[in-house]
């Protein structure tokens, strides 16, 4: 169904206005786009909230590195820019590990 299309039926024309059921909401489209560009796999390791958050951060890191590599390969960014971006992402991931995993493991040892 195309928005605003007039259809002629038996000598009469009528305008078709698509309902909300015909098109997903903008939020749904954004979510679908994000899921396609940055898919997330379920976490199967030993569950703690910290490990689950770190896993999400690790997956985001991997997806962003992949995108940066593709931008560099396609000539959209320079090799130096790709290196700087990946290095910054690595520092963020390293800080995330230190905050989430290293601190929680120390607290677990003290208990």
N, C-alpha and C. Protein backbone atom coordinates (compact mmCIF):
# COMPACT_ATOMS: atom_id res chain seq x y z
N UNK A 1 0.84 -1.16 0.00
CA UNK A 1 0.00 0.00 0.00
C UNK A 1 0.89 1.23 0.00
N UNK A 2 0.61 2.18 -0.87
CA UNK A 2 1.41 3.40 -0.96
C UNK A 2 0.58 4.55 -0.41
N UNK A 3 1.18 5.35 0.44
CA UNK A 3 0.47 6.46 1.08
C UNK A 3 -0.01 7.46 0.04
N UNK A 4 -1.24 7.90 0.18
CA UNK A 4 -1.79 8.94 -0.66
C UNK A 4 -2.13 8.50 -2.07
N UNK A 5 -2.22 7.23 -2.36
CA UNK A 5 -2.54 6.75 -3.69
C UNK A 5 -4.05 6.71 -3.85
N UNK A 6 -4.51 7.24 -4.96
CA UNK A 6 -5.94 7.18 -5.24
C UNK A 6 -6.21 5.95 -6.11
N UNK A 7 -7.21 5.19 -5.75
CA UNK A 7 -7.56 3.99 -6.50
C UNK A 7 -8.93 4.20 -7.11
N UNK A 8 -9.02 3.91 -8.39
CA UNK A 8 -10.31 4.02 -9.08
C UNK A 8 -11.01 2.68 -9.01
N UNK A 9 -12.22 2.66 -8.45
CA UNK A 9 -13.01 1.44 -8.40
C UNK A 9 -14.40 1.77 -8.90
N UNK A 10 -14.79 1.09 -9.95
CA UNK A 10 -16.10 1.25 -10.58
C UNK A 10 -16.51 2.72 -10.72
N UNK A 11 -15.64 3.50 -11.34
CA UNK A 11 -15.96 4.89 -11.64
C UNK A 11 -15.73 5.85 -10.49
N UNK A 12 -15.44 5.37 -9.34
CA UNK A 12 -15.20 6.25 -8.19
C UNK A 12 -13.73 6.14 -7.80
N UNK A 13 -13.15 7.20 -7.36
CA UNK A 13 -11.79 7.11 -6.85
C UNK A 13 -11.82 7.39 -5.36
N UNK A 14 -10.99 6.68 -4.65
CA UNK A 14 -10.91 6.90 -3.21
C UNK A 14 -9.43 6.92 -2.83
N UNK A 15 -9.13 7.66 -1.81
CA UNK A 15 -7.77 7.78 -1.34
C UNK A 15 -7.53 6.72 -0.27
N UNK A 16 -6.38 6.11 -0.34
CA UNK A 16 -6.03 5.10 0.65
C UNK A 16 -5.09 5.74 1.65
N UNK A 17 -5.47 5.74 2.89
CA UNK A 17 -4.62 6.24 3.97
C UNK A 17 -4.17 5.04 4.77
N UNK A 18 -2.88 4.77 4.77
CA UNK A 18 -2.40 3.60 5.48
C UNK A 18 -2.61 3.77 6.98
N UNK A 19 -2.95 2.68 7.62
CA UNK A 19 -3.12 2.70 9.07
C UNK A 19 -1.79 2.42 9.73
N UNK A 20 -1.74 2.60 11.06
CA UNK A 20 -0.51 2.34 11.79
C UNK A 20 -0.12 0.87 11.72
N UNK A 21 -1.07 0.00 11.41
CA UNK A 21 -0.77 -1.42 11.29
C UNK A 21 0.02 -1.72 10.02
N UNK A 22 -0.09 -0.83 9.02
CA UNK A 22 0.60 -1.05 7.76
C UNK A 22 2.10 -0.76 7.85
N UNK A 23 2.47 0.15 8.74
CA UNK A 23 3.87 0.55 8.86
C UNK A 23 4.29 0.49 10.33
N UNK A 24 5.45 -0.13 10.62
CA UNK A 24 5.92 -0.14 12.00
C UNK A 24 6.20 1.29 12.47
N UNK A 25 6.11 1.50 13.74
CA UNK A 25 6.39 2.81 14.29
C UNK A 25 7.85 3.18 14.05
N UNK A 26 8.14 4.46 14.10
CA UNK A 26 9.51 4.92 13.88
C UNK A 26 10.47 4.28 14.87
N UNK A 27 10.03 4.11 16.11
CA UNK A 27 10.88 3.47 17.11
C UNK A 27 11.20 2.04 16.72
N UNK A 28 10.20 1.34 16.19
CA UNK A 28 10.43 -0.04 15.76
C UNK A 28 11.44 -0.09 14.62
N UNK A 29 11.34 0.86 13.69
CA UNK A 29 12.29 0.90 12.57
C UNK A 29 13.69 1.18 13.07
N UNK A 30 13.81 2.10 14.02
CA UNK A 30 15.12 2.42 14.59
C UNK A 30 15.70 1.19 15.29
N UNK A 31 14.86 0.48 16.05
CA UNK A 31 15.31 -0.72 16.76
C UNK A 31 15.74 -1.79 15.77
N UNK A 32 14.97 -1.97 14.71
CA UNK A 32 15.32 -2.96 13.69
C UNK A 32 16.65 -2.61 13.04
N UNK A 33 16.85 -1.33 12.77
CA UNK A 33 18.10 -0.87 12.16
C UNK A 33 19.28 -1.14 13.09
N UNK A 34 19.12 -0.79 14.36
CA UNK A 34 20.18 -1.02 15.34
C UNK A 34 20.47 -2.51 15.50
N UNK A 35 19.42 -3.33 15.54
CA UNK A 35 19.61 -4.77 15.68
C UNK A 35 20.34 -5.35 14.47
N UNK A 36 20.08 -4.79 13.29
CA UNK A 36 20.74 -5.27 12.07
C UNK A 36 22.20 -4.85 12.05
N UNK A 37 22.45 -3.58 12.39
CA UNK A 37 23.81 -3.06 12.34
C UNK A 37 24.65 -3.59 13.48
N UNK A 38 24.07 -3.67 14.67
CA UNK A 38 24.81 -4.12 15.84
C UNK A 38 24.05 -5.23 16.57
N UNK A 39 24.06 -6.43 16.00
CA UNK A 39 23.33 -7.53 16.65
C UNK A 39 23.97 -7.90 17.98
N UNK A 40 23.17 -8.39 18.88
CA UNK A 40 23.65 -8.83 20.19
C UNK A 40 23.33 -10.31 20.35
N UNK A 41 24.31 -11.04 20.85
CA UNK A 41 24.11 -12.45 21.12
C UNK A 41 23.79 -12.62 22.61
N UNK A 42 23.01 -13.60 22.97
CA UNK A 42 22.71 -13.81 24.38
C UNK A 42 23.95 -14.25 25.15
N UNK A 43 24.01 -13.89 26.42
CA UNK A 43 25.14 -14.24 27.28
C UNK A 43 24.91 -15.62 27.89
N UNK A 44 25.90 -16.50 27.75
CA UNK A 44 25.78 -17.87 28.26
C UNK A 44 26.79 -18.19 29.36
N UNK A 45 27.58 -17.20 29.77
CA UNK A 45 28.59 -17.45 30.79
C UNK A 45 28.00 -17.46 32.19
N UNK A 46 28.90 -17.54 33.18
CA UNK A 46 28.49 -17.49 34.58
C UNK A 46 27.82 -16.15 34.82
N UNK A 47 26.59 -16.18 35.32
CA UNK A 47 25.81 -14.95 35.43
C UNK A 47 26.13 -14.15 36.69
N UNK A 48 26.51 -12.92 36.44
CA UNK A 48 26.48 -11.86 37.45
C UNK A 48 26.08 -10.62 36.67
N UNK A 49 25.47 -9.65 37.29
CA UNK A 49 25.11 -8.43 36.55
C UNK A 49 26.33 -7.76 35.92
N UNK A 50 27.47 -7.79 36.63
CA UNK A 50 28.69 -7.16 36.11
C UNK A 50 29.19 -7.87 34.86
N UNK A 51 29.16 -9.21 34.89
CA UNK A 51 29.62 -9.97 33.72
C UNK A 51 28.70 -9.74 32.51
N UNK A 52 27.42 -9.66 32.78
CA UNK A 52 26.47 -9.44 31.69
C UNK A 52 26.67 -8.05 31.05
N UNK A 53 26.89 -7.04 31.88
CA UNK A 53 27.13 -5.69 31.36
C UNK A 53 28.44 -5.66 30.59
N UNK A 54 29.48 -6.30 31.14
CA UNK A 54 30.76 -6.32 30.42
C UNK A 54 30.61 -7.04 29.09
N UNK A 55 29.85 -8.14 29.07
CA UNK A 55 29.63 -8.85 27.81
C UNK A 55 28.96 -7.94 26.77
N UNK A 56 27.99 -7.16 27.20
CA UNK A 56 27.34 -6.22 26.28
C UNK A 56 28.35 -5.19 25.78
N UNK A 57 29.21 -4.70 26.67
CA UNK A 57 30.25 -3.75 26.27
C UNK A 57 31.23 -4.39 25.29
N UNK A 58 31.58 -5.65 25.54
CA UNK A 58 32.50 -6.36 24.65
C UNK A 58 31.89 -6.55 23.26
N UNK A 59 30.62 -6.91 23.21
CA UNK A 59 29.95 -7.06 21.91
C UNK A 59 29.87 -5.74 21.17
N UNK A 60 29.58 -4.67 21.89
CA UNK A 60 29.53 -3.34 21.27
C UNK A 60 30.90 -2.95 20.73
N UNK A 61 31.96 -3.24 21.50
CA UNK A 61 33.33 -2.98 21.06
C UNK A 61 33.60 -3.72 19.74
N UNK A 62 33.29 -5.01 19.71
CA UNK A 62 33.56 -5.82 18.52
C UNK A 62 32.80 -5.29 17.31
N UNK A 63 31.55 -4.91 17.50
CA UNK A 63 30.75 -4.40 16.38
C UNK A 63 31.29 -3.07 15.88
N UNK A 64 31.67 -2.19 16.82
CA UNK A 64 32.20 -0.88 16.41
C UNK A 64 33.54 -1.03 15.71
N UNK A 65 34.40 -1.93 16.18
CA UNK A 65 35.69 -2.17 15.52
C UNK A 65 35.44 -2.67 14.10
N UNK A 66 34.49 -3.56 13.94
CA UNK A 66 34.16 -4.07 12.61
C UNK A 66 33.70 -2.94 11.68
N UNK A 67 32.85 -2.06 12.20
CA UNK A 67 32.38 -0.93 11.39
C UNK A 67 33.53 -0.01 11.02
N UNK A 68 34.40 0.27 11.98
CA UNK A 68 35.55 1.15 11.71
C UNK A 68 36.45 0.52 10.65
N UNK A 69 36.70 -0.77 10.76
CA UNK A 69 37.53 -1.46 9.76
C UNK A 69 36.90 -1.37 8.37
N UNK A 70 35.59 -1.53 8.32
CA UNK A 70 34.91 -1.44 7.03
C UNK A 70 34.97 -0.03 6.46
N UNK A 71 34.85 0.98 7.31
CA UNK A 71 34.97 2.37 6.85
C UNK A 71 36.38 2.63 6.30
N UNK A 72 37.38 2.11 6.99
CA UNK A 72 38.76 2.30 6.54
C UNK A 72 39.01 1.55 5.23
N UNK A 73 38.53 0.32 5.15
CA UNK A 73 38.70 -0.48 3.93
C UNK A 73 38.02 0.19 2.74
N UNK A 74 36.85 0.79 3.00
CA UNK A 74 36.11 1.46 1.93
C UNK A 74 36.62 2.85 1.60
N UNK A 75 37.67 3.30 2.29
CA UNK A 75 38.25 4.61 1.99
C UNK A 75 37.49 5.78 2.58
N UNK A 76 36.58 5.52 3.49
CA UNK A 76 35.80 6.60 4.10
C UNK A 76 36.55 7.31 5.23
N UNK A 77 37.47 6.60 5.89
CA UNK A 77 38.31 7.20 6.91
C UNK A 77 39.74 6.73 6.68
N UNK A 78 40.70 7.46 7.20
CA UNK A 78 42.10 7.09 7.02
C UNK A 78 42.48 5.98 7.99
N UNK A 79 43.60 5.34 7.71
CA UNK A 79 44.11 4.30 8.60
C UNK A 79 44.43 4.88 9.97
N UNK A 80 44.99 6.08 9.98
CA UNK A 80 45.34 6.73 11.25
C UNK A 80 44.09 7.03 12.07
N UNK A 81 43.05 7.49 11.39
CA UNK A 81 41.79 7.78 12.09
C UNK A 81 41.17 6.49 12.63
N UNK A 82 41.22 5.43 11.84
CA UNK A 82 40.70 4.14 12.29
C UNK A 82 41.46 3.66 13.52
N UNK A 83 42.78 3.80 13.48
CA UNK A 83 43.61 3.38 14.62
C UNK A 83 43.24 4.18 15.87
N UNK A 84 43.11 5.49 15.74
CA UNK A 84 42.76 6.34 16.89
C UNK A 84 41.41 5.96 17.47
N UNK A 85 40.43 5.72 16.59
CA UNK A 85 39.09 5.35 17.06
C UNK A 85 39.10 4.01 17.80
N UNK A 86 39.80 3.04 17.23
CA UNK A 86 39.86 1.72 17.86
C UNK A 86 40.62 1.80 19.18
N UNK A 87 41.69 2.58 19.22
CA UNK A 87 42.45 2.74 20.46
C UNK A 87 41.59 3.36 21.56
N UNK A 88 40.77 4.36 21.20
CA UNK A 88 39.88 4.99 22.18
C UNK A 88 38.83 3.98 22.67
N UNK A 89 38.27 3.19 21.74
CA UNK A 89 37.30 2.17 22.14
C UNK A 89 37.94 1.13 23.05
N UNK A 90 39.21 0.76 22.75
CA UNK A 90 39.91 -0.21 23.58
C UNK A 90 40.09 0.32 25.00
N UNK A 91 40.45 1.59 25.12
CA UNK A 91 40.62 2.19 26.45
C UNK A 91 39.30 2.19 27.22
N UNK A 92 38.20 2.46 26.52
CA UNK A 92 36.89 2.42 27.17
C UNK A 92 36.55 1.01 27.64
N UNK A 93 36.84 0.01 26.80
CA UNK A 93 36.56 -1.38 27.17
C UNK A 93 37.43 -1.81 28.35
N UNK A 94 38.70 -1.41 28.33
CA UNK A 94 39.62 -1.74 29.41
C UNK A 94 39.14 -1.13 30.73
N UNK A 95 38.67 0.12 30.68
CA UNK A 95 38.15 0.77 31.89
C UNK A 95 36.88 0.06 32.36
N UNK A 96 36.06 -0.37 31.43
CA UNK A 96 34.84 -1.10 31.76
C UNK A 96 35.19 -2.40 32.47
N UNK A 97 36.19 -3.12 31.97
CA UNK A 97 36.61 -4.37 32.60
C UNK A 97 37.11 -4.11 34.01
N UNK A 98 37.93 -3.08 34.14
CA UNK A 98 38.49 -2.76 35.46
C UNK A 98 37.37 -2.43 36.45
N UNK A 99 36.42 -1.63 36.01
CA UNK A 99 35.32 -1.22 36.89
C UNK A 99 34.39 -2.38 37.21
N UNK A 100 34.00 -3.13 36.20
CA UNK A 100 32.98 -4.16 36.38
C UNK A 100 33.52 -5.48 36.90
N UNK A 101 34.61 -5.95 36.33
CA UNK A 101 35.08 -7.30 36.65
C UNK A 101 36.15 -7.32 37.73
N UNK A 102 37.16 -6.49 37.59
CA UNK A 102 38.26 -6.52 38.55
C UNK A 102 37.79 -6.13 39.94
N UNK A 103 36.97 -5.08 40.04
CA UNK A 103 36.47 -4.64 41.35
C UNK A 103 35.53 -5.67 41.96
N UNK A 104 34.66 -6.26 41.14
CA UNK A 104 33.70 -7.24 41.69
C UNK A 104 34.41 -8.52 42.12
N UNK A 105 35.49 -8.90 41.42
CA UNK A 105 36.24 -10.09 41.82
C UNK A 105 36.96 -9.85 43.15
N UNK A 106 37.50 -8.65 43.34
CA UNK A 106 38.16 -8.32 44.61
C UNK A 106 37.18 -8.34 45.75
N UNK A 107 35.98 -7.80 45.49
CA UNK A 107 34.94 -7.80 46.53
C UNK A 107 34.51 -9.22 46.87
N UNK A 108 34.46 -10.10 45.86
CA UNK A 108 34.09 -11.49 46.08
C UNK A 108 35.13 -12.23 46.90
N UNK A 109 36.42 -11.89 46.71
CA UNK A 109 37.49 -12.52 47.46
C UNK A 109 37.46 -12.09 48.93
N UNK A 110 37.04 -10.86 49.18
CA UNK A 110 37.00 -10.34 50.55
C UNK A 110 35.86 -10.91 51.35
N UNK A 111 34.84 -11.40 50.69
CA UNK A 111 33.66 -11.95 51.40
C UNK A 111 33.93 -13.27 52.05
